[in-house]
PDB file of N, CA and C in Angstrom:
ATOM      1  N   MET A   1       0.687  -1.271   0.071  1.00  0.00           N
ATOM      2  CA  MET A   1       0.042   0.013   0.176  1.00  0.00           C
ATOM      3  C   MET A   1       0.766   1.173  -0.047  1.00  0.00           C
ATOM      4  N   PHE A   2       1.799   1.152   0.990  1.00  0.00           N
ATOM      5  CA  PHE A   2       2.858   2.239   0.952  1.00  0.00           C
ATOM      6  C   PHE A   2       3.490   2.415  -0.506  1.00  0.00           C
ATOM      7  N   SER A   3       3.783   1.724  -1.288  1.00  0.00           N
ATOM      8  CA  SER A   3       4.238   1.466  -2.630  1.00  0.00           C
ATOM      9  C   SER A   3       3.413   2.291  -3.365  1.00  0.00           C
ATOM     10  N   LEU A   4       2.314   1.813  -3.396  1.00  0.00           N
ATOM     11  CA  LEU A   4       1.155   2.562  -4.171  1.00  0.00           C
ATOM     12  C   LEU A   4       1.114   4.150  -3.972  1.00  0.00           C
ATOM     13  N   VAL A   5       0.843   4.431  -2.691  1.00  0.00           N
ATOM     14  CA  VAL A   5       0.884   5.779  -2.623  1.00  0.00           C
ATOM     15  C   VAL A   5       2.231   6.691  -2.989  1.00  0.00           C
ATOM     16  N   ARG A   6       3.443   5.828  -2.902  1.00  0.00           N
ATOM     17  CA  ARG A   6       4.598   6.761  -3.011  1.00  0.00           C
ATOM     18  C   ARG A   6       4.431   6.584  -4.746  1.00  0.00           C
ATOM     19  N   LEU A   7       3.909   5.765  -5.457  1.00  0.00           N
ATOM     20  CA  LEU A   7       3.982   5.879  -6.741  1.00  0.00           C
ATOM     21  C   LEU A   7       3.070   6.854  -7.281  1.00  0.00           C
ATOM     22  N   ILE A   8       2.013   7.012  -6.524  1.00  0.00           N
ATOM     23  CA  ILE A   8       1.055   8.231  -6.982  1.00  0.00           C
ATOM     24  C   ILE A   8       1.632   9.200  -6.707  1.00  0.00           C
ATOM     25  N   SER A   9       2.476   9.538  -5.719  1.00  0.00           N
ATOM     26  CA  SER A   9       2.731  10.905  -5.271  1.00  0.00           C
ATOM     27  C   SER A   9       4.047  11.502  -6.202  1.00  0.00           C
ATOM     28  N   GLU A  10       4.617  10.610  -6.534  1.00  0.00           N
ATOM     29  CA  GLU A  10       5.988  10.500  -7.604  1.00  0.00           C
ATOM     30  C   GLU A  10       5.508  11.071  -8.735  1.00  0.00           C
ATOM     31  N   VAL A  11       4.306  10.562  -9.353  1.00  0.00           N
ATOM     32  CA  VAL A  11       3.690  10.695 -10.720  1.00  0.00           C
ATOM     33  C   VAL A  11       3.030  11.930 -10.470  1.00  0.00           C
ATOM     34  N   SER A  12       2.233  12.441  -9.569  1.00  0.00           N
ATOM     35  CA  SER A  12       1.444  13.720  -9.292  1.00  0.00           C
ATOM     36  C   SER A  12       2.572  14.797  -9.159  1.00  0.00           C
ATOM     37  N   LEU A  13       3.584  14.578  -8.619  1.00  0.00           N
ATOM     38  CA  LEU A  13       4.653  15.592  -8.219  1.00  0.00           C
ATOM     39  C   LEU A  13       5.305  15.934  -9.589  1.00  0.00           C
ATOM     40  N   ARG A  14       5.751  14.773 -10.488  1.00  0.00           N
ATOM     41  CA  ARG A  14       6.194  15.201 -11.488  1.00  0.00           C
ATOM     42  C   ARG A  14       5.406  16.267 -12.423  1.00  0.00           C
ATOM     43  N   SER A  15       4.333  15.587 -12.525  1.00  0.00           N
ATOM     44  CA  SER A  15       3.177  16.206 -13.453  1.00  0.00           C
ATOM     45  C   SER A  15       2.775  17.925 -12.837  1.00  0.00           C
ATOM     46  N   ASN A  16       2.863  17.787 -11.696  1.00  0.00           N
ATOM     47  CA  ASN A  16       2.717  19.330 -10.911  1.00  0.00           C
ATOM     48  C   ASN A  16       3.586  20.131 -10.247  1.00  0.00           C
ATOM     49  N   MET A  17       4.976  19.849 -10.630  1.00  0.00           N
ATOM     50  CA  MET A  17       6.073  20.382 -10.163  1.00  0.00           C
ATOM     51  C   MET A  17       5.862  21.983 -10.347  1.00  0.00           C
ATOM     52  N   ASN A  18       5.659  22.034 -11.734  1.00  0.00           N
ATOM     53  CA  ASN A  18       5.859  23.314 -12.194  1.00  0.00           C
ATOM     54  C   ASN A  18       4.479  23.980 -11.705  1.00  0.00           C
ATOM     55  N   ASN A  19       3.239  23.378 -11.601  1.00  0.00           N
ATOM     56  CA  ASN A  19       1.783  24.035 -11.501  1.00  0.00           C
ATOM     57  C   ASN A  19       1.564  24.007 -10.032  1.00  0.00           C
ATOM     58  N   GLN A  20       2.739  23.566  -9.177  1.00  0.00           N
ATOM     59  CA  GLN A  20       2.369  23.643  -7.622  1.00  0.00           C
ATOM     60  C   GLN A  20       1.658  24.990  -7.139  1.00  0.00           C
ATOM     61  N   ALA A  21       2.069  25.868  -7.812  1.00  0.00           N
ATOM     62  CA  ALA A  21       1.398  27.358  -7.365  1.00  0.00           C
ATOM     63  C   ALA A  21       0.164  27.462  -7.770  1.00  0.00           C
ATOM     64  N   ASN A  22      -0.127  26.916  -8.908  1.00  0.00           N
ATOM     65  CA  ASN A  22      -1.631  27.048  -9.651  1.00  0.00           C
ATOM     66  C   ASN A  22      -2.913  26.130  -9.069  1.00  0.00           C
ATOM     67  N   ILE A  23      -2.288  25.362  -7.959  1.00  0.00           N
ATOM     68  CA  ILE A  23      -3.441  24.414  -7.054  1.00  0.00           C
ATOM     69  C   ILE A  23      -4.014  25.126  -6.387  1.00  0.00           C
ATOM     70  N   SER A  24      -5.024  25.941  -6.586  1.00  0.00           N
ATOM     71  CA  SER A  24      -5.634  26.809  -5.599  1.00  0.00           C
ATOM     72  C   SER A  24      -6.967  25.793  -4.819  1.00  0.00           C
ATOM     73  N   LYS A  25      -7.508  24.829  -5.413  1.00  0.00           N
ATOM     74  CA  LYS A  25      -8.774  24.483  -4.789  1.00  0.00           C
ATOM     75  C   LYS A  25      -7.856  22.755  -4.271  1.00  0.00           C
ATOM     76  N   TRP A  26      -8.424  22.612  -3.031  1.00  0.00           N
ATOM     77  CA  TRP A  26      -8.148  21.290  -2.548  1.00  0.00           C
ATOM     78  C   TRP A  26      -8.164  20.214  -2.962  1.00  0.00           C
ATOM     79  N   TRP A  27      -9.667  20.054  -3.634  1.00  0.00           N
ATOM     80  CA  TRP A  27      -9.961  19.086  -4.483  1.00  0.00           C
ATOM     81  C   TRP A  27      -9.291  18.701  -5.911  1.00  0.00           C
ATOM     82  N   LYS A  28      -8.636  19.718  -6.338  1.00  0.00           N
ATOM     83  CA  LYS A  28      -7.846  19.346  -7.415  1.00  0.00           C
ATOM     84  C   LYS A  28      -6.298  18.712  -7.201  1.00  0.00           C
ATOM     85  N   ASP A  29      -5.787  18.761  -5.876  1.00  0.00           N
ATOM     86  CA  ASP A  29      -5.194  17.921  -5.698  1.00  0.00           C
ATOM     87  C   ASP A  29      -4.884  16.570  -4.890  1.00  0.00           C
ATOM     88  N   SER A  30      -4.515  15.644  -6.007  1.00  0.00           N
ATOM     89  CA  SER A  30      -4.768  14.152  -5.960  1.00  0.00           C
ATOM     90  C   SER A  30      -4.525  13.365  -4.563  1.00  0.00           C
ATOM     91  N   MET A  31      -2.969  14.127  -4.153  1.00  0.00           N
ATOM     92  CA  MET A  31      -2.718  13.704  -2.907  1.00  0.00           C
ATOM     93  C   MET A  31      -3.371  13.848  -1.615  1.00  0.00           C
ATOM     94  N   VAL A  32      -3.988  15.192  -1.606  1.00  0.00           N
ATOM     95  CA  VAL A  32      -5.059  15.569  -0.587  1.00  0.00           C
ATOM     96  C   VAL A  32      -6.325  14.548  -0.690  1.00  0.00           C
ATOM     97  N   LEU A  33      -6.979  14.182  -1.808  1.00  0.00           N
ATOM     98  CA  LEU A  33      -7.733  13.329  -1.926  1.00  0.00           C
ATOM     99  C   LEU A  33      -7.529  11.994  -1.238  1.00  0.00           C
ATOM    100  N   ILE A  34      -6.406  11.588  -1.387  1.00  0.00           N
ATOM    101  CA  ILE A  34      -6.039  10.131  -1.168  1.00  0.00           C
ATOM    102  C   ILE A  34      -5.953  10.317   0.376  1.00  0.00           C
ATOM    103  N   SER A  35      -5.095  11.191   0.717  1.00  0.00           N
ATOM    104  CA  SER A  35      -5.126  11.388   2.409  1.00  0.00           C
ATOM    105  C   SER A  35      -6.541  11.507   2.934  1.00  0.00           C
ATOM    106  N   LEU A  36      -7.460  11.984   2.300  1.00  0.00           N
ATOM    107  CA  LEU A  36      -8.645  12.347   3.174  1.00  0.00           C
ATOM    108  C   LEU A  36      -9.275  11.171   3.041  1.00  0.00           C
ATOM    109  N   SER A  37      -9.222  10.385   1.967  1.00  0.00           N
ATOM    110  CA  SER A  37     -10.287   9.176   1.708  1.00  0.00           C
ATOM    111  C   SER A  37      -9.826   7.671   2.191  1.00  0.00           C
ATOM    112  N   LEU A  38      -8.396   7.565   1.797  1.00  0.00           N
ATOM    113  CA  LEU A  38      -8.182   6.308   2.358  1.00  0.00           C
ATOM    114  C   LEU A  38      -8.342   5.887   3.816  1.00  0.00           C
ATOM    115  N   PRO A  39      -8.036   6.353   4.820  1.00  0.00           N
ATOM    116  CA  PRO A  39      -8.424   5.770   6.087  1.00  0.00           C
ATOM    117  C   PRO A  39     -10.354   5.331   6.107  1.00  0.00           C
ATOM    118  N   SER A  40     -11.031   6.230   5.449  1.00  0.00           N
ATOM    119  CA  SER A  40     -12.550   6.064   5.505  1.00  0.00           C
ATOM    120  C   SER A  40     -12.794   4.937   4.721  1.00  0.00           C
ATOM    121  N   LEU A  41     -12.244   4.782   3.662  1.00  0.00           N
ATOM    122  CA  LEU A  41     -12.239   3.570   2.595  1.00  0.00           C
ATOM    123  C   LEU A  41     -11.878   2.230   3.275  1.00  0.00           C
ATOM    124  N   ILE A  42     -11.006   2.264   4.022  1.00  0.00           N
ATOM    125  CA  ILE A  42     -10.749   1.127   4.798  1.00  0.00           C
ATOM    126  C   ILE A  42     -11.622   0.697   5.901  1.00  0.00           C
ATOM    127  N   TRP A  43     -12.326   1.575   6.633  1.00  0.00           N
ATOM    128  CA  TRP A  43     -13.571   1.117   7.089  1.00  0.00           C
ATOM    129  C   TRP A  43     -14.622   0.694   6.603  1.00  0.00           C
ATOM    130  N   LEU A  44     -14.885   1.543   5.347  1.00  0.00           N
ATOM    131  CA  LEU A  44     -16.044   0.918   4.446  1.00  0.00           C
ATOM    132  C   LEU A  44     -15.758  -0.509   3.883  1.00  0.00           C
ATOM    133  N   ILE A  45     -14.655  -0.646   3.584  1.00  0.00           N
ATOM    134  CA  ILE A  45     -14.454  -2.277   2.767  1.00  0.00           C
ATOM    135  C   ILE A  45     -14.767  -3.006   4.125  1.00  0.00           C
ATOM    136  N   MET A  46     -14.157  -2.444   5.336  1.00  0.00           N
ATOM    137  CA  MET A  46     -14.189  -3.714   6.251  1.00  0.00           C
ATOM    138  C   MET A  46     -15.774  -3.887   6.441  1.00  0.00           C
ATOM    139  N   PHE A  47     -16.452  -2.817   6.597  1.00  0.00           N
ATOM    140  CA  PHE A  47     -17.867  -2.781   6.928  1.00  0.00           C
ATOM    141  C   PHE A  47     -18.651  -3.686   5.705  1.00  0.00           C
ATOM    142  N   LEU A  48     -18.324  -3.283   4.204  1.00  0.00           N
ATOM    143  CA  LEU A  48     -18.769  -4.047   3.343  1.00  0.00           C
ATOM    144  C   LEU A  48     -18.588  -5.633   3.164  1.00  0.00           C
ATOM    145  N   LEU A  49     -17.314  -6.256   3.294  1.00  0.00           N
ATOM    146  CA  LEU A  49     -17.141  -7.294   3.220  1.00  0.00           C
ATOM    147  C   LEU A  49     -17.037  -8.265   4.544  1.00  0.00           C
ATOM    148  N   LEU A  50     -16.700  -7.332   5.887  1.00  0.00           N
ATOM    149  CA  LEU A  50     -16.829  -8.278   7.020  1.00  0.00           C
ATOM    150  C   LEU A  50     -18.117  -7.960   7.458  1.00  0.00           C
ATOM    151  N   SER A  51     -18.559  -6.848   8.520  1.00  0.00           N
ATOM    152  CA  SER A  51     -19.686  -6.639   9.205  1.00  0.00           C
ATOM    153  C   SER A  51     -19.535  -5.383   9.962  1.00  0.00           C
ATOM    154  N   LEU A  52     -20.779  -4.820  10.267  1.00  0.00           N
ATOM    155  CA  LEU A  52     -20.392  -3.356  11.067  1.00  0.00           C
ATOM    156  C   LEU A  52     -19.563  -3.680  12.315  1.00  0.00           C
ATOM    157  N   LYS A  53     -19.943  -4.833  13.084  1.00  0.00           N
ATOM    158  CA  LYS A  53     -19.478  -4.967  14.261  1.00  0.00           C
ATOM    159  C   LYS A  53     -18.203  -5.423  14.211  1.00  0.00           C
ATOM    160  N   ILE A  54     -17.494  -5.926  13.429  1.00  0.00           N
ATOM    161  CA  ILE A  54     -16.022  -5.819  13.125  1.00  0.00           C
ATOM    162  C   ILE A  54     -15.219  -5.054  12.488  1.00  0.00           C
ATOM    163  N   ALA A  55     -15.830  -3.554  12.100  1.00  0.00           N
ATOM    164  CA  ALA A  55     -15.059  -2.940  11.366  1.00  0.00           C
ATOM    165  C   ALA A  55     -14.556  -1.778  12.435  1.00  0.00           C
ATOM    166  N   TRP A  56     -14.898  -2.084  13.517  1.00  0.00           N
ATOM    167  CA  TRP A  56     -13.742  -1.192  14.476  1.00  0.00           C
ATOM    168  C   TRP A  56     -12.523  -1.331  14.452  1.00  0.00           C
ATOM    169  N   ILE A  57     -12.091  -2.405  13.967  1.00  0.00           N
ATOM    170  CA  ILE A  57     -10.660  -2.752  13.841  1.00  0.00           C
ATOM    171  C   ILE A  57      -9.909  -2.009  12.927  1.00  0.00           C
ATOM    172  N   SER A  58     -10.688  -1.177  11.914  1.00  0.00           N
ATOM    173  CA  SER A  58     -10.168  -0.467  10.944  1.00  0.00           C
ATOM    174  C   SER A  58      -9.525   0.797  11.437  1.00  0.00           C
ATOM    175  N   PHE A  59      -9.727   1.211  12.751  1.00  0.00           N
ATOM    176  CA  PHE A  59      -8.976   2.419  13.318  1.00  0.00           C
ATOM    177  C   PHE A  59      -7.764   2.215  13.614  1.00  0.00           C
ATOM    178  N   PRO A  60      -7.097   1.156  14.343  1.00  0.00           N
ATOM    179  CA  PRO A  60      -5.860   1.065  14.136  1.00  0.00           C
ATOM    180  C   PRO A  60      -4.976   1.015  12.739  1.00  0.00           C
ATOM    181  N   CYS A  61      -5.498   0.159  12.006  1.00  0.00           N
ATOM    182  CA  CYS A  61      -5.150   0.314  10.367  1.00  0.00           C
ATOM    183  C   CYS A  61      -4.915   1.739  10.015  1.00  0.00           C
ATOM    184  N   GLY A  62      -6.041   2.188  10.221  1.00  0.00           N
ATOM    185  CA  GLY A  62      -6.423   4.075   9.683  1.00  0.00           C
ATOM    186  C   GLY A  62      -5.270   4.790  10.047  1.00  0.00           C
ATOM    187  N   ILE A  63      -5.002   4.560  11.290  1.00  0.00           N
ATOM    188  CA  ILE A  63      -3.853   5.443  12.209  1.00  0.00           C
ATOM    189  C   ILE A  63      -2.660   4.980  11.725  1.00  0.00           C
ATOM    190  N   LEU A  64      -2.279   3.912  11.506  1.00  0.00           N
ATOM    191  CA  LEU A  64      -0.896   3.391  10.578  1.00  0.00           C
ATOM    192  C   LEU A  64      -0.766   3.845   9.381  1.00  0.00           C
ATOM    193  N   ILE A  65      -1.695   3.792   8.516  1.00  0.00           N
ATOM    194  CA  ILE A  65      -1.597   4.085   7.198  1.00  0.00           C
ATOM    195  C   ILE A  65      -1.657   5.946   7.158  1.00  0.00           C
ATOM    196  N   GLY A  66      -2.273   6.346   7.929  1.00  0.00           N
ATOM    197  CA  GLY A  66      -2.390   7.997   8.002  1.00  0.00           C
ATOM    198  C   GLY A  66      -1.228   8.208   8.559  1.00  0.00           C
ATOM    199  N   PHE A  67      -0.655   7.649   9.711  1.00  0.00           N
ATOM    200  CA  PHE A  67       0.826   8.119  10.163  1.00  0.00           C
ATOM    201  C   PHE A  67       1.699   8.240   8.673  1.00  0.00           C
ATOM    202  N   PHE A  68       1.957   7.280   7.959  1.00  0.00           N
ATOM    203  CA  PHE A  68       2.661   7.117   6.877  1.00  0.00           C
ATOM    204  C   PHE A  68       2.457   8.141   5.706  1.00  0.00           C
ATOM    205  N   LEU A  69       1.080   8.360   5.830  1.00  0.00           N
ATOM    206  CA  LEU A  69       0.847   9.434   4.700  1.00  0.00           C
ATOM    207  C   LEU A  69       1.062  10.613   5.177  1.00  0.00           C
ATOM    208  N   TRP A  70       0.853  11.070   6.960  1.00  0.00           N
ATOM    209  CA  TRP A  70       1.391  12.154   7.073  1.00  0.00           C
ATOM    210  C   TRP A  70       2.961  12.401   7.103  1.00  0.00           C
ATOM    211  N   LEU A  71       3.786  11.166   6.941  1.00  0.00           N
ATOM    212  CA  LEU A  71       5.235  11.514   7.386  1.00  0.00           C
ATOM    213  C   LEU A  71       5.629  11.701   5.613  1.00  0.00           C
ATOM    214  N   ILE A  72       4.810  11.124   4.438  1.00  0.00           N
ATOM    215  CA  ILE A  72       4.974  11.655   3.025  1.00  0.00           C
ATOM    216  C   ILE A  72       4.588  13.191   2.954  1.00  0.00           C
ATOM    217  N   ALA A  73       3.426  13.600   3.534  1.00  0.00           N
ATOM    218  CA  ALA A  73       2.980  14.898   3.391  1.00  0.00           C
ATOM    219  C   ALA A  73       4.316  15.898   3.873  1.00  0.00           C
ATOM    220  N   LEU A  74       4.959  15.587   5.264  1.00  0.00           N
ATOM    221  CA  LEU A  74       5.672  16.384   5.468  1.00  0.00           C
ATOM    222  C   LEU A  74       7.375  16.261   4.834  1.00  0.00           C
ATOM    223  N   GLY A  75       7.261  15.185   4.141  1.00  0.00           N
ATOM    224  CA  GLY A  75       8.469  15.041   3.603  1.00  0.00           C
ATOM    225  C   GLY A  75       8.562  15.802   2.321  1.00  0.00           C
ATOM    226  N   TYR A  76       7.549  15.870   1.537  1.00  0.00           N
ATOM    227  CA  TYR A  76       7.140  16.551   0.352  1.00  0.00           C
ATOM    228  C   TYR A  76       6.904  18.076   0.605  1.00  0.00           C
ATOM    229  N   GLU A  77       6.758  18.484   1.883  1.00  0.00           N
ATOM    230  CA  GLU A  77       6.272  20.006   2.368  1.00  0.00           C
ATOM    231  C   GLU A  77       5.054  20.136   1.799  1.00  0.00           C
ATOM    232  N   ASN A  78       3.931  19.287   2.008  1.00  0.00           N
ATOM    233  CA  ASN A  78       2.811  19.534   1.492  1.00  0.00           C
ATOM    234  C   ASN A  78       1.654  19.765   2.735  1.00  0.00           C
ATOM    235  N   PRO A  79       1.607  20.906   3.255  1.00  0.00           N
ATOM    236  CA  PRO A  79       0.920  20.905   4.529  1.00  0.00           C
ATOM    237  C   PRO A  79      -0.762  20.709   4.122  1.00  0.00           C
ATOM    238  N   ARG A  80      -1.230  20.648   2.979  1.00  0.00           N
ATOM    239  CA  ARG A  80      -2.643  20.597   2.831  1.00  0.00           C
ATOM    240  C   ARG A  80      -2.874  19.159   2.832  1.00  0.00           C
ATOM    241  N   MET A  81      -1.945  18.382   2.599  1.00  0.00           N
ATOM    242  CA  MET A  81      -1.782  17.044   2.423  1.00  0.00           C
ATOM    243  C   MET A  81      -1.848  16.388   3.865  1.00  0.00           C
ATOM    244  N   ALA A  82      -1.260  17.103   4.634  1.00  0.00           N
ATOM    245  CA  ALA A  82      -0.961  16.623   6.232  1.00  0.00           C
ATOM    246  C   ALA A  82      -2.061  17.034   6.998  1.00  0.00           C
ATOM    247  N   LYS A  83      -2.575  18.341   6.670  1.00  0.00           N
ATOM    248  CA  LYS A  83      -4.205  18.298   7.248  1.00  0.00           C
ATOM    249  C   LYS A  83      -5.421  17.521   6.879  1.00  0.00           C
ATOM    250  N   ALA A  84      -5.289  17.212   5.517  1.00  0.00           N
ATOM    251  CA  ALA A  84      -6.301  16.375   4.989  1.00  0.00           C
ATOM    252  C   ALA A  84      -5.829  14.781   5.526  1.00  0.00           C
ATOM    253  N   THR A  85      -4.904  14.315   6.024  1.00  0.00           N
ATOM    254  CA  THR A  85      -4.614  13.153   6.597  1.00  0.00           C
ATOM    255  C   THR A  85      -5.165  13.076   8.049  1.00  0.00           C
ATOM    256  N   LEU A  86      -5.030  14.082   8.743  1.00  0.00           N
ATOM    257  CA  LEU A  86      -5.661  14.312   9.930  1.00  0.00           C
ATOM    258  C   LEU A  86      -7.089  13.850  10.142  1.00  0.00           C
ATOM    259  N   ILE A  87      -7.947  15.131   8.889  1.00  0.00           N
ATOM    260  CA  ILE A  87      -8.850  14.655   8.954  1.00  0.00           C
ATOM    261  C   ILE A  87      -9.530  13.313   8.658  1.00  0.00           C
ATOM    262  N   GLY A  88      -8.922  12.409   7.936  1.00  0.00           N
ATOM    263  CA  GLY A  88      -9.255  11.347   7.410  1.00  0.00           C
ATOM    264  C   GLY A  88      -9.240  10.348   8.465  1.00  0.00           C
ATOM    265  N   VAL A  89      -8.214  10.478   9.303  1.00  0.00           N
ATOM    266  CA  VAL A  89      -8.267   9.739  10.436  1.00  0.00           C
ATOM    267  C   VAL A  89      -8.874   9.895  11.482  1.00  0.00           C
ATOM    268  N   THR A  90      -9.599  11.272  11.698  1.00  0.00           N
ATOM    269  CA  THR A  90     -10.829  11.653  12.390  1.00  0.00           C
ATOM    270  C   THR A  90     -11.945  11.209  12.101  1.00  0.00           C
ATOM    271  N   ILE A  91     -12.225  11.101  10.506  1.00  0.00           N
ATOM    272  CA  ILE A  91     -13.534  10.398  10.022  1.00  0.00           C
ATOM    273  C   ILE A  91     -13.364   9.149  10.262  1.00  0.00           C
ATOM    274  N   ASN A  92     -12.136   8.386  10.183  1.00  0.00           N
ATOM    275  CA  ASN A  92     -12.020   6.901  10.938  1.00  0.00           C
ATOM    276  C   ASN A  92     -12.445   6.752  12.162  1.00  0.00           C
ATOM    277  N   LEU A  93     -11.977   7.646  12.971  1.00  0.00           N
ATOM    278  CA  LEU A  93     -12.207   7.565  14.502  1.00  0.00           C
ATOM    279  C   LEU A  93     -13.726   7.302  14.558  1.00  0.00           C
ATOM    280  N   ILE A  94     -14.366   8.504  13.949  1.00  0.00           N
ATOM    281  CA  ILE A  94     -15.836   8.482  14.370  1.00  0.00           C
ATOM    282  C   ILE A  94     -16.493   7.226  13.584  1.00  0.00           C
ATOM    283  N   LEU A  95     -16.534   6.857  12.555  1.00  0.00           N
ATOM    284  CA  LEU A  95     -16.665   5.921  12.064  1.00  0.00           C
ATOM    285  C   LEU A  95     -16.480   4.454  12.474  1.00  0.00           C
ATOM    286  N   ALA A  96     -15.246   4.365  13.005  1.00  0.00           N
ATOM    287  CA  ALA A  96     -14.747   3.065  14.116  1.00  0.00           C
ATOM    288  C   ALA A  96     -15.607   3.184  15.184  1.00  0.00           C
ATOM    289  N   SER A  97     -15.543   4.251  15.771  1.00  0.00           N
ATOM    290  CA  SER A  97     -16.374   4.475  17.207  1.00  0.00           C
ATOM    291  C   SER A  97     -17.877   3.902  17.074  1.00  0.00           C
ATOM    292  N   ILE A  98     -18.414   3.966  15.974  1.00  0.00           N
ATOM    293  CA  ILE A  98     -19.814   3.784  15.889  1.00  0.00           C
ATOM    294  C   ILE A  98     -19.858   2.116  15.767  1.00  0.00           C
ATOM    295  N   SER A  99     -19.013   1.666  14.959  1.00  0.00           N
ATOM    296  CA  SER A  99     -18.913   0.352  14.863  1.00  0.00           C
ATOM    297  C   SER A  99     -18.390  -0.304  16.089  1.00  0.00           C
ATOM    298  N   ALA A 100     -17.826   0.283  17.034  1.00  0.00           N
ATOM    299  CA  ALA A 100     -17.323  -0.388  18.410  1.00  0.00           C
ATOM    300  C   ALA A 100     -18.238  -0.032  19.336  1.00  0.00           C
ATOM    301  N   PHE A 101     -19.426   0.742  19.246  1.00  0.00           N
ATOM    302  CA  PHE A 101     -20.587   0.739  19.963  1.00  0.00           C
ATOM    303  C   PHE A 101     -21.690  -0.452  19.551  1.00  0.00           C
ATOM    304  N   TYR A 102     -21.828  -0.479  18.341  1.00  0.00           N
ATOM    305  CA  TYR A 102     -22.817  -1.830  18.181  1.00  0.00           C
ATOM    306  C   TYR A 102     -21.788  -2.724  18.208  1.00  0.00           C
ATOM    307  N   ALA A 103     -20.683  -3.016  18.177  1.00  0.00           N
ATOM    308  CA  ALA A 103     -19.784  -4.268  18.774  1.00  0.00           C
ATOM    309  C   ALA A 103     -20.132  -4.542  20.123  1.00  0.00           C
ATOM    310  N   PHE A 104     -19.991  -3.637  21.159  1.00  0.00           N
ATOM    311  CA  PHE A 104     -19.668  -3.670  22.506  1.00  0.00           C
ATOM    312  C   PHE A 104     -20.628  -3.710  23.429  1.00  0.00           C
ATOM    313  N   TYR A 105     -22.067  -2.861  22.767  1.00  0.00           N
ATOM    314  CA  TYR A 105     -22.971  -2.685  23.724  1.00  0.00           C
ATOM    315  C   TYR A 105     -24.144  -2.978  22.972  1.00  0.00           C
TER     316      TYR A 105
END
């Protein structure tokens, strides 16, 4: 998974190296979209393939992947990606806590 994110970031950085200042909208930045959606997609896949009661375990996975995405954002000096990663992990926390509620109560 890390290799896939690294490959996407290198491809997007090559194509946007000169146009980095022109990206004014956050939804046009592919790395922001990946950082925002990846932790939540982990929960969604676990919910669809396993069940709502088991999907709470996606939170540790989301934290781990979010941590590495955050390190990538810091390495490429992309503060929008770092903020989007934190928001994505927070969304994963909310979804996982809903699953934990149904699993344990």
